[in-house]
Amino acid sequence: MSQRFPTVGRSLVILHVDDDPMNLRVVEEILTAFHHRTVKVGSGAEALERLAEQSFDVVLMDIHMPRMSGIQAVERLRAFPGPARHTPVIALTADVSRHPDEYLDLGFDGYVSKPILVSRLLEAIKAAAEPKQAPAASPYRINRAV
């Protein structure tokens, strides 16, 4: 029996932020298999630079990175002027000390735990890329103020 994975219905441009090159490679393999394009950066500072220059459909943000954590990067992104601050950001982390709702309260639009399950990652991306008109009871996203 083959597993059906959630799909968005279009190809997305996804910024993946992680200081571990292996994580960047694995996630890129997953996303390209589902016809998404990835841009990979290794730090929160690089992510903010790219977000200032280019639009992305979704950002996948590692939480624990040196110099600037994913949490700090999201705080700075949400303070940006203009539309980039509304880019959906999904937290990626192996940290079990926080409840997933805490990441939502910190400005993230979704949460995926590591090790990453393909189905969870794709569901979180779909929820972030296709927000519903009415508030949804989803563990993967919250509504963003526009």
N, C-alpha and C. Protein backbone atom coordinates (compact mmCIF):
# COMPACT_ATOMS: atom_id res chain seq x y z
N MET A 1 0.85 -1.18 0.00
CA MET A 1 0.00 0.00 0.00
C MET A 1 0.89 1.24 0.00
N SER A 2 0.68 2.12 -0.95
CA SER A 2 1.49 3.33 -1.01
C SER A 2 0.84 4.43 -0.18
N GLN A 3 1.70 5.27 0.37
CA GLN A 3 1.21 6.37 1.20
C GLN A 3 0.96 7.59 0.32
N ARG A 4 -0.14 8.26 0.55
CA ARG A 4 -0.43 9.50 -0.15
C ARG A 4 0.01 10.66 0.74
N PHE A 5 0.76 11.57 0.13
CA PHE A 5 1.28 12.71 0.87
C PHE A 5 0.47 13.95 0.53
N PRO A 6 0.34 14.87 1.51
CA PRO A 6 -0.37 16.13 1.23
C PRO A 6 0.36 16.92 0.15
N THR A 7 -0.39 17.52 -0.75
CA THR A 7 0.21 18.36 -1.79
C THR A 7 -0.44 19.72 -1.79
N VAL A 8 0.30 20.68 -2.28
CA VAL A 8 -0.17 22.06 -2.33
C VAL A 8 -0.90 22.33 -3.63
N GLY A 9 -0.54 21.64 -4.68
CA GLY A 9 -1.17 21.86 -5.97
C GLY A 9 -0.37 22.79 -6.86
N ARG A 10 0.76 23.27 -6.39
CA ARG A 10 1.64 24.12 -7.18
C ARG A 10 3.05 24.00 -6.63
N SER A 11 4.00 24.38 -7.42
CA SER A 11 5.39 24.36 -6.98
C SER A 11 5.66 25.59 -6.12
N LEU A 12 6.31 25.38 -4.98
CA LEU A 12 6.61 26.49 -4.07
C LEU A 12 8.11 26.80 -4.07
N VAL A 13 8.43 28.03 -3.72
CA VAL A 13 9.82 28.41 -3.48
C VAL A 13 9.97 28.49 -1.97
N ILE A 14 10.83 27.62 -1.43
CA ILE A 14 10.95 27.46 0.01
C ILE A 14 12.37 27.79 0.46
N LEU A 15 12.49 28.68 1.43
CA LEU A 15 13.78 29.00 2.03
C LEU A 15 13.98 28.05 3.21
N HIS A 16 15.08 27.29 3.17
CA HIS A 16 15.39 26.36 4.26
C HIS A 16 16.62 26.88 4.99
N VAL A 17 16.49 27.08 6.29
CA VAL A 17 17.53 27.66 7.12
C VAL A 17 17.98 26.63 8.15
N ASP A 18 19.24 26.20 8.06
CA ASP A 18 19.76 25.21 9.00
C ASP A 18 21.28 25.27 8.96
N ASP A 19 21.91 25.15 10.10
CA ASP A 19 23.37 25.18 10.15
C ASP A 19 24.00 23.82 9.87
N ASP A 20 23.18 22.78 9.72
CA ASP A 20 23.68 21.43 9.44
C ASP A 20 23.51 21.13 7.95
N PRO A 21 24.62 21.02 7.21
CA PRO A 21 24.53 20.75 5.76
C PRO A 21 23.77 19.47 5.42
N MET A 22 23.86 18.45 6.26
CA MET A 22 23.14 17.21 5.99
C MET A 22 21.63 17.42 6.07
N ASN A 23 21.17 18.19 7.06
CA ASN A 23 19.74 18.50 7.15
C ASN A 23 19.28 19.27 5.92
N LEU A 24 20.09 20.21 5.47
CA LEU A 24 19.74 20.98 4.27
C LEU A 24 19.61 20.06 3.06
N ARG A 25 20.51 19.12 2.95
CA ARG A 25 20.49 18.21 1.80
C ARG A 25 19.28 17.27 1.84
N VAL A 26 19.02 16.69 3.01
CA VAL A 26 17.90 15.75 3.13
C VAL A 26 16.57 16.43 2.83
N VAL A 27 16.35 17.59 3.41
CA VAL A 27 15.09 18.31 3.18
C VAL A 27 14.99 18.74 1.72
N GLU A 28 16.09 19.16 1.13
CA GLU A 28 16.06 19.52 -0.29
C GLU A 28 15.63 18.32 -1.14
N GLU A 29 16.16 17.14 -0.84
CA GLU A 29 15.78 15.94 -1.59
C GLU A 29 14.28 15.67 -1.46
N ILE A 30 13.76 15.82 -0.26
CA ILE A 30 12.33 15.60 -0.04
C ILE A 30 11.51 16.61 -0.85
N LEU A 31 11.86 17.87 -0.73
CA LEU A 31 11.06 18.92 -1.37
C LEU A 31 11.15 18.88 -2.89
N THR A 32 12.32 18.61 -3.43
CA THR A 32 12.43 18.54 -4.89
C THR A 32 11.67 17.33 -5.44
N ALA A 33 11.57 16.26 -4.65
CA ALA A 33 10.78 15.10 -5.08
C ALA A 33 9.30 15.46 -5.23
N PHE A 34 8.87 16.51 -4.52
CA PHE A 34 7.49 16.97 -4.62
C PHE A 34 7.39 18.26 -5.43
N HIS A 35 8.40 18.52 -6.25
CA HIS A 35 8.43 19.60 -7.24
C HIS A 35 8.49 21.00 -6.64
N HIS A 36 9.06 21.12 -5.44
CA HIS A 36 9.28 22.44 -4.86
C HIS A 36 10.74 22.83 -5.09
N ARG A 37 10.99 24.14 -5.12
CA ARG A 37 12.35 24.65 -5.28
C ARG A 37 12.83 25.16 -3.93
N THR A 38 14.04 24.81 -3.57
CA THR A 38 14.57 25.25 -2.29
C THR A 38 15.74 26.19 -2.49
N VAL A 39 15.84 27.12 -1.56
CA VAL A 39 17.01 27.97 -1.41
C VAL A 39 17.53 27.66 -0.02
N LYS A 40 18.80 27.29 0.08
CA LYS A 40 19.36 26.85 1.36
C LYS A 40 20.33 27.91 1.88
N VAL A 41 20.20 28.21 3.18
CA VAL A 41 21.16 29.08 3.86
C VAL A 41 21.50 28.46 5.21
N GLY A 42 22.67 28.82 5.73
CA GLY A 42 23.18 28.19 6.94
C GLY A 42 23.05 28.97 8.22
N SER A 43 22.38 30.13 8.19
CA SER A 43 22.26 30.91 9.42
C SER A 43 21.03 31.81 9.38
N GLY A 44 20.64 32.26 10.55
CA GLY A 44 19.52 33.20 10.65
C GLY A 44 19.83 34.51 9.96
N ALA A 45 21.07 34.98 10.07
CA ALA A 45 21.46 36.24 9.43
C ALA A 45 21.36 36.12 7.91
N GLU A 46 21.83 35.00 7.35
CA GLU A 46 21.71 34.78 5.91
C GLU A 46 20.24 34.72 5.48
N ALA A 47 19.41 34.12 6.31
CA ALA A 47 17.98 34.02 6.00
C ALA A 47 17.36 35.41 5.91
N LEU A 48 17.68 36.27 6.86
CA LEU A 48 17.11 37.62 6.84
C LEU A 48 17.57 38.39 5.61
N GLU A 49 18.84 38.20 5.20
CA GLU A 49 19.35 38.84 3.99
C GLU A 49 18.56 38.38 2.77
N ARG A 50 18.35 37.08 2.65
CA ARG A 50 17.62 36.53 1.50
C ARG A 50 16.16 36.99 1.50
N LEU A 51 15.54 37.03 2.68
CA LEU A 51 14.15 37.47 2.77
C LEU A 51 13.99 38.95 2.42
N ALA A 52 15.03 39.74 2.63
CA ALA A 52 14.99 41.15 2.26
C ALA A 52 15.12 41.32 0.74
N GLU A 53 15.71 40.31 0.06
CA GLU A 53 15.96 40.39 -1.37
C GLU A 53 14.94 39.67 -2.23
N GLN A 54 14.31 38.63 -1.70
CA GLN A 54 13.51 37.71 -2.51
C GLN A 54 12.27 37.28 -1.73
N SER A 55 11.18 37.02 -2.46
CA SER A 55 9.96 36.49 -1.84
C SER A 55 10.02 34.97 -1.81
N PHE A 56 9.50 34.41 -0.73
CA PHE A 56 9.40 32.96 -0.58
C PHE A 56 7.98 32.61 -0.18
N ASP A 57 7.55 31.44 -0.60
CA ASP A 57 6.22 30.97 -0.21
C ASP A 57 6.20 30.52 1.24
N VAL A 58 7.28 29.89 1.68
CA VAL A 58 7.40 29.34 3.04
C VAL A 58 8.86 29.35 3.44
N VAL A 59 9.11 29.50 4.74
CA VAL A 59 10.46 29.36 5.30
C VAL A 59 10.44 28.19 6.27
N LEU A 60 11.43 27.31 6.16
CA LEU A 60 11.66 26.25 7.14
C LEU A 60 12.85 26.69 7.97
N MET A 61 12.66 26.87 9.27
CA MET A 61 13.68 27.48 10.13
C MET A 61 14.09 26.55 11.27
N ASP A 62 15.36 26.15 11.26
CA ASP A 62 15.91 25.41 12.39
C ASP A 62 15.89 26.33 13.60
N ILE A 63 15.65 25.78 14.76
CA ILE A 63 15.58 26.59 15.98
C ILE A 63 16.97 26.84 16.58
N HIS A 64 17.77 25.79 16.69
CA HIS A 64 19.08 25.91 17.36
C HIS A 64 20.20 26.07 16.35
N MET A 65 20.62 27.33 16.20
CA MET A 65 21.75 27.66 15.32
C MET A 65 22.67 28.60 16.08
N PRO A 66 23.96 28.56 15.76
CA PRO A 66 24.89 29.47 16.44
C PRO A 66 24.66 30.92 16.02
N ARG A 67 25.06 31.83 16.85
CA ARG A 67 25.00 33.28 16.64
C ARG A 67 23.59 33.85 16.63
N MET A 68 22.67 33.30 15.85
CA MET A 68 21.29 33.79 15.84
C MET A 68 20.38 32.57 15.75
N SER A 69 19.58 32.38 16.78
CA SER A 69 18.67 31.23 16.80
C SER A 69 17.53 31.46 15.81
N GLY A 70 16.81 30.41 15.52
CA GLY A 70 15.63 30.54 14.68
C GLY A 70 14.59 31.46 15.30
N ILE A 71 14.49 31.41 16.62
CA ILE A 71 13.55 32.29 17.32
C ILE A 71 13.94 33.75 17.13
N GLN A 72 15.23 34.06 17.29
CA GLN A 72 15.68 35.43 17.08
C GLN A 72 15.47 35.87 15.64
N ALA A 73 15.71 34.99 14.69
CA ALA A 73 15.52 35.32 13.28
C ALA A 73 14.06 35.63 12.99
N VAL A 74 13.14 34.86 13.56
CA VAL A 74 11.71 35.11 13.34
C VAL A 74 11.29 36.42 13.99
N GLU A 75 11.81 36.70 15.16
CA GLU A 75 11.49 37.99 15.81
C GLU A 75 11.90 39.15 14.92
N ARG A 76 13.09 39.06 14.34
CA ARG A 76 13.57 40.13 13.46
C ARG A 76 12.76 40.19 12.16
N LEU A 77 12.43 39.03 11.61
CA LEU A 77 11.63 38.98 10.40
C LEU A 77 10.27 39.64 10.62
N ARG A 78 9.62 39.34 11.72
CA ARG A 78 8.29 39.89 12.00
C ARG A 78 8.34 41.41 12.21
N ALA A 79 9.53 41.96 12.47
CA ALA A 79 9.69 43.41 12.63
C ALA A 79 10.04 44.09 11.31
N PHE A 80 10.28 43.32 10.25
CA PHE A 80 10.59 43.89 8.93
C PHE A 80 9.46 44.80 8.48
N PRO A 81 9.79 45.87 7.75
CA PRO A 81 8.74 46.62 7.06
C PRO A 81 8.35 45.85 5.79
N GLY A 82 7.13 46.00 5.37
CA GLY A 82 6.72 45.39 4.11
C GLY A 82 6.24 43.96 4.23
N PRO A 83 5.95 43.36 3.09
CA PRO A 83 5.28 42.06 3.07
C PRO A 83 6.13 40.87 3.53
N ALA A 84 7.44 40.98 3.51
CA ALA A 84 8.28 39.84 3.90
C ALA A 84 7.99 39.39 5.33
N ARG A 85 7.58 40.30 6.17
CA ARG A 85 7.32 39.93 7.57
C ARG A 85 6.15 38.97 7.73
N HIS A 86 5.33 38.85 6.68
CA HIS A 86 4.18 37.95 6.73
C HIS A 86 4.47 36.58 6.12
N THR A 87 5.71 36.35 5.70
CA THR A 87 6.08 35.07 5.12
C THR A 87 5.87 33.98 6.17
N PRO A 88 5.17 32.90 5.82
CA PRO A 88 4.97 31.82 6.79
C PRO A 88 6.30 31.14 7.13
N VAL A 89 6.53 30.93 8.42
CA VAL A 89 7.76 30.29 8.89
C VAL A 89 7.39 29.07 9.73
N ILE A 90 7.98 27.94 9.38
CA ILE A 90 7.75 26.69 10.10
C ILE A 90 9.00 26.37 10.90
N ALA A 91 8.84 26.17 12.20
CA ALA A 91 9.95 25.80 13.07
C ALA A 91 10.29 24.32 12.86
N LEU A 92 11.59 24.05 12.73
CA LEU A 92 12.09 22.67 12.65
C LEU A 92 13.01 22.47 13.85
N THR A 93 12.69 21.49 14.70
CA THR A 93 13.52 21.31 15.89
C THR A 93 13.39 19.91 16.49
N ALA A 94 14.47 19.50 17.14
CA ALA A 94 14.46 18.24 17.91
C ALA A 94 14.23 18.54 19.39
N ASP A 95 14.08 19.82 19.72
CA ASP A 95 13.90 20.26 21.10
C ASP A 95 12.51 19.85 21.61
N VAL A 96 12.47 19.02 22.61
CA VAL A 96 11.19 18.59 23.17
C VAL A 96 10.83 19.35 24.45
N SER A 97 11.66 20.34 24.81
CA SER A 97 11.39 21.08 26.04
C SER A 97 10.26 22.10 25.88
N ARG A 98 9.91 22.46 24.66
CA ARG A 98 8.81 23.39 24.39
C ARG A 98 7.62 22.65 23.82
N HIS A 99 6.45 23.10 24.16
CA HIS A 99 5.22 22.60 23.54
C HIS A 99 5.11 23.25 22.16
N PRO A 100 4.62 22.55 21.15
CA PRO A 100 4.50 23.16 19.81
C PRO A 100 3.76 24.49 19.79
N ASP A 101 2.76 24.66 20.64
CA ASP A 101 2.03 25.94 20.68
C ASP A 101 2.93 27.10 21.07
N GLU A 102 3.99 26.84 21.82
CA GLU A 102 4.91 27.91 22.20
C GLU A 102 5.58 28.51 20.97
N TYR A 103 5.89 27.68 19.98
CA TYR A 103 6.49 28.20 18.75
C TYR A 103 5.49 29.08 18.01
N LEU A 104 4.24 28.71 18.03
CA LEU A 104 3.21 29.54 17.41
C LEU A 104 3.12 30.89 18.11
N ASP A 105 3.20 30.87 19.43
CA ASP A 105 3.16 32.11 20.21
C ASP A 105 4.38 32.99 19.95
N LEU A 106 5.50 32.38 19.53
CA LEU A 106 6.73 33.12 19.26
C LEU A 106 6.77 33.71 17.84
N GLY A 107 5.72 33.48 17.05
CA GLY A 107 5.68 34.07 15.71
C GLY A 107 5.83 33.08 14.57
N PHE A 108 6.01 31.82 14.89
CA PHE A 108 6.07 30.80 13.84
C PHE A 108 4.65 30.46 13.40
N ASP A 109 4.54 29.93 12.19
CA ASP A 109 3.23 29.57 11.64
C ASP A 109 2.99 28.07 11.70
N GLY A 110 3.99 27.33 12.09
CA GLY A 110 3.87 25.89 12.18
C GLY A 110 5.08 25.30 12.85
N TYR A 111 5.05 24.01 13.05
CA TYR A 111 6.08 23.31 13.81
C TYR A 111 6.21 21.90 13.25
N VAL A 112 7.45 21.46 13.04
CA VAL A 112 7.72 20.08 12.65
C VAL A 112 8.89 19.60 13.50
N SER A 113 8.70 18.46 14.15
CA SER A 113 9.77 17.93 15.00
C SER A 113 10.76 17.13 14.17
N LYS A 114 11.99 17.09 14.67
CA LYS A 114 13.04 16.26 14.08
C LYS A 114 13.17 15.01 14.93
N PRO A 115 13.44 13.86 14.34
CA PRO A 115 13.67 13.66 12.92
C PRO A 115 12.38 13.92 12.14
N ILE A 116 12.57 14.47 10.95
CA ILE A 116 11.44 14.91 10.13
C ILE A 116 10.75 13.73 9.46
N LEU A 117 9.45 13.67 9.63
CA LEU A 117 8.62 12.72 8.89
C LEU A 117 8.12 13.45 7.64
N VAL A 118 8.26 12.84 6.49
CA VAL A 118 7.87 13.48 5.24
C VAL A 118 6.42 13.95 5.29
N SER A 119 5.53 13.12 5.77
CA SER A 119 4.11 13.49 5.79
C SER A 119 3.86 14.71 6.68
N ARG A 120 4.53 14.78 7.82
CA ARG A 120 4.35 15.95 8.72
C ARG A 120 4.90 17.22 8.08
N LEU A 121 6.06 17.10 7.45
CA LEU A 121 6.66 18.26 6.80
C LEU A 121 5.74 18.79 5.70
N LEU A 122 5.25 17.90 4.85
CA LEU A 122 4.39 18.32 3.75
C LEU A 122 3.05 18.87 4.23
N GLU A 123 2.52 18.30 5.30
CA GLU A 123 1.27 18.82 5.87
C GLU A 123 1.47 20.23 6.42
N ALA A 124 2.59 20.46 7.10
CA ALA A 124 2.87 21.79 7.65
C ALA A 124 3.08 22.81 6.53
N ILE A 125 3.77 22.41 5.47
CA ILE A 125 3.98 23.31 4.34
C ILE A 125 2.64 23.63 3.68
N LYS A 126 1.83 22.62 3.48
CA LYS A 126 0.51 22.85 2.87
C LYS A 126 -0.32 23.80 3.71
N ALA A 127 -0.35 23.59 5.02
CA ALA A 127 -1.13 24.45 5.92
C ALA A 127 -0.63 25.89 5.88
N ALA A 128 0.69 26.06 5.81
CA ALA A 128 1.26 27.41 5.80
C ALA A 128 1.07 28.09 4.45
N ALA A 129 1.17 27.34 3.36
CA ALA A 129 1.10 27.93 2.03
C ALA A 129 -0.33 28.19 1.57
N GLU A 130 -1.28 27.48 2.13
CA GLU A 130 -2.68 27.64 1.74
C GLU A 130 -3.55 27.92 2.96
N PRO A 131 -3.35 29.11 3.57
CA PRO A 131 -4.16 29.41 4.76
C PRO A 131 -5.64 29.48 4.42
N LYS A 132 -6.43 28.99 5.33
CA LYS A 132 -7.88 29.01 5.14
C LYS A 132 -8.44 30.36 5.53
N GLN A 133 -9.63 30.67 5.02
CA GLN A 133 -10.27 31.94 5.35
C GLN A 133 -10.68 32.00 6.82
N ALA A 134 -11.26 30.91 7.31
CA ALA A 134 -11.68 30.87 8.71
C ALA A 134 -10.56 30.24 9.53
N PRO A 135 -10.45 30.59 10.82
CA PRO A 135 -9.43 29.97 11.65
C PRO A 135 -9.58 28.46 11.63
N ALA A 136 -8.45 27.79 11.50
CA ALA A 136 -8.46 26.33 11.42
C ALA A 136 -7.93 25.73 12.71
N ALA A 137 -8.46 24.60 13.07
CA ALA A 137 -7.98 23.88 14.25
C ALA A 137 -6.90 22.91 13.77
N SER A 138 -5.73 23.44 13.43
CA SER A 138 -4.64 22.63 12.93
C SER A 138 -3.44 22.76 13.85
N PRO A 139 -2.74 21.65 14.14
CA PRO A 139 -1.55 21.73 14.98
C PRO A 139 -0.36 22.31 14.23
N TYR A 140 -0.52 22.64 12.94
CA TYR A 140 0.60 23.06 12.12
C TYR A 140 0.66 24.54 11.84
N ARG A 141 -0.40 25.30 12.10
CA ARG A 141 -0.36 26.71 11.73
C ARG A 141 -1.31 27.55 12.57
N ILE A 142 -1.06 28.84 12.57
CA ILE A 142 -2.00 29.81 13.11
C ILE A 142 -2.25 30.85 12.03
N ASN A 143 -3.31 31.61 12.16
CA ASN A 143 -3.57 32.65 11.18
C ASN A 143 -2.65 33.82 11.43
N ARG A 144 -2.19 34.44 10.35
CA ARG A 144 -1.31 35.60 10.44
C ARG A 144 -2.12 36.86 10.16
N ALA A 145 -1.84 37.90 10.91
CA ALA A 145 -2.46 39.20 10.63
C ALA A 145 -1.79 39.76 9.38
N VAL A 146 -2.58 40.30 8.50
CA VAL A 146 -2.01 40.84 7.24
C VAL A 146 -1.95 42.32 7.31
